Amino acid sequence: RVSPARGPLSGGTWIGIEGSHLNAGSDVAVSVGGRPCSFSWRNSREIRCLTPPGQSPGSAPIVININRAQLT
């Protein structure tokens, strides 16, 4: 689950990505629409990051890489 589910095309929205075991591993990278989402912090159930500017209106895929394991 991602909250908030929407934000401006200009980016700059802090989002929370909920899941489980998100604090495993030490190398974390998050992208939104193929662009880096500025990682802020995480715990076992949530990752927070600042969204980049979007390329076009509409939904964008969110990808989390933890120690090179990819989660979508």
C-alpha atoms as a PDB file:
ATOM      1  CA  ARG A   1       0.000   0.000   0.000  1.00  0.00           C
ATOM      2  CA  VAL A   2       1.227   3.479  -0.874  1.00  0.00           C
ATOM      3  CA  SER A   3       0.014   6.599   0.904  1.00  0.00           C
ATOM      4  CA  PRO A   4      -0.881   9.084  -0.387  1.00  0.00           C
ATOM      5  CA  ALA A   5      -1.942   7.369  -3.600  1.00  0.00           C
ATOM      6  CA  ARG A   6      -1.697  10.579  -5.650  1.00  0.00           C
ATOM      7  CA  GLY A   7       0.539  13.598  -5.914  1.00  0.00           C
ATOM      8  CA  PRO A   8       1.455  16.442  -8.247  1.00  0.00           C
ATOM      9  CA  LEU A   9       3.286  15.774 -11.506  1.00  0.00           C
ATOM     10  CA  SER A  10       6.008  18.127 -10.243  1.00  0.00           C
ATOM     11  CA  GLY A  11       6.919  15.570  -7.539  1.00  0.00           C
ATOM     12  CA  GLY A  12       7.978  16.546  -4.030  1.00  0.00           C
ATOM     13  CA  THR A  13       5.416  14.405  -2.190  1.00  0.00           C
ATOM     14  CA  TRP A  14       6.490  12.337   0.806  1.00  0.00           C
ATOM     15  CA  ILE A  15       5.059   8.845   0.368  1.00  0.00           C
ATOM     16  CA  GLY A  16       4.868   5.891   2.707  1.00  0.00           C
ATOM     17  CA  ILE A  17       5.188   2.429   1.175  1.00  0.00           C
ATOM     18  CA  GLU A  18       3.811  -0.262   3.468  1.00  0.00           C
ATOM     19  CA  GLY A  19       4.867  -3.893   3.445  1.00  0.00           C
ATOM     20  CA  SER A  20       6.627  -6.426   5.613  1.00  0.00           C
ATOM     21  CA  HIS A  21      10.295  -7.117   6.365  1.00  0.00           C
ATOM     22  CA  LEU A  22      11.276  -3.817   4.756  1.00  0.00           C
ATOM     23  CA  ASN A  23      14.151  -3.330   7.205  1.00  0.00           C
ATOM     24  CA  ALA A  24      16.022  -6.405   5.926  1.00  0.00           C
ATOM     25  CA  GLY A  25      19.296  -5.675   4.175  1.00  0.00           C
ATOM     26  CA  SER A  26      21.393  -2.541   4.106  1.00  0.00           C
ATOM     27  CA  ASP A  27      21.323  -1.340   0.481  1.00  0.00           C
ATOM     28  CA  VAL A  28      17.938   0.294  -0.266  1.00  0.00           C
ATOM     29  CA  ALA A  29      16.815   2.072  -3.437  1.00  0.00           C
ATOM     30  CA  VAL A  30      13.299   3.178  -4.384  1.00  0.00           C
ATOM     31  CA  SER A  31      12.133   4.411  -7.776  1.00  0.00           C
ATOM     32  CA  VAL A  32       8.853   5.869  -8.984  1.00  0.00           C
ATOM     33  CA  GLY A  33       8.252   5.754 -12.707  1.00  0.00           C
ATOM     34  CA  GLY A  34      11.868   4.726 -13.268  1.00  0.00           C
ATOM     35  CA  ARG A  35      13.246   7.756 -11.421  1.00  0.00           C
ATOM     36  CA  PRO A  36      14.885   7.690  -7.975  1.00  0.00           C
ATOM     37  CA  CYS A  37      12.628   8.437  -5.020  1.00  0.00           C
ATOM     38  CA  SER A  38      14.761  10.199  -2.368  1.00  0.00           C
ATOM     39  CA  PHE A  39      14.895   7.650   0.452  1.00  0.00           C
ATOM     40  CA  SER A  40      14.307   9.093   3.936  1.00  0.00           C
ATOM     41  CA  TRP A  41      13.859   6.255   6.439  1.00  0.00           C
ATOM     42  CA  ARG A  42      12.404   2.801   6.914  1.00  0.00           C
ATOM     43  CA  ASN A  43      11.350   0.286   9.508  1.00  0.00           C
ATOM     44  CA  SER A  44      10.082  -3.282   9.214  1.00  0.00           C
ATOM     45  CA  ARG A  45       6.683  -2.148   7.889  1.00  0.00           C
ATOM     46  CA  GLU A  46       7.236   1.126   6.016  1.00  0.00           C
ATOM     47  CA  ILE A  47       9.623   3.000   3.729  1.00  0.00           C
ATOM     48  CA  ARG A  48       9.366   6.769   3.258  1.00  0.00           C
ATOM     49  CA  CYS A  49      10.694   8.678   0.283  1.00  0.00           C
ATOM     50  CA  LEU A  50      10.242  11.969  -1.582  1.00  0.00           C
ATOM     51  CA  THR A  51       8.797  11.521  -5.070  1.00  0.00           C
ATOM     52  CA  PRO A  52      10.643  12.741  -8.163  1.00  0.00           C
ATOM     53  CA  PRO A  53       8.935  14.765 -10.921  1.00  0.00           C
ATOM     54  CA  GLY A  54       6.735  12.590 -13.124  1.00  0.00           C
ATOM     55  CA  GLN A  55       7.096  12.158 -16.873  1.00  0.00           C
ATOM     56  CA  SER A  56       3.367  12.123 -17.655  1.00  0.00           C
ATOM     57  CA  PRO A  57       0.023  12.207 -15.807  1.00  0.00           C
ATOM     58  CA  GLY A  58      -1.285   8.906 -14.476  1.00  0.00           C
ATOM     59  CA  SER A  59       0.004   6.080 -12.364  1.00  0.00           C
ATOM     60  CA  ALA A  60       3.689   5.175 -12.188  1.00  0.00           C
ATOM     61  CA  PRO A  61       5.279   1.893 -11.083  1.00  0.00           C
ATOM     62  CA  ILE A  62       7.045   1.875  -7.718  1.00  0.00           C
ATOM     63  CA  VAL A  63      10.065  -0.412  -7.425  1.00  0.00           C
ATOM     64  CA  ILE A  64      11.952  -1.154  -4.203  1.00  0.00           C
ATOM     65  CA  ASN A  65      15.385  -2.776  -4.307  1.00  0.00           C
ATOM     66  CA  ILE A  66      16.760  -4.135  -1.024  1.00  0.00           C
ATOM     67  CA  ASN A  67      20.212  -5.697  -1.410  1.00  0.00           C
ATOM     68  CA  ARG A  68      19.430  -6.120  -5.131  1.00  0.00           C
ATOM     69  CA  ALA A  69      16.181  -8.024  -4.448  1.00  0.00           C
ATOM     70  CA  GLN A  70      13.447  -6.239  -6.391  1.00  0.00           C
ATOM     71  CA  LEU A  71       9.957  -5.664  -4.954  1.00  0.00           C
ATOM     72  CA  THR A  72       7.155  -4.058  -6.955  1.00  0.00           C
END
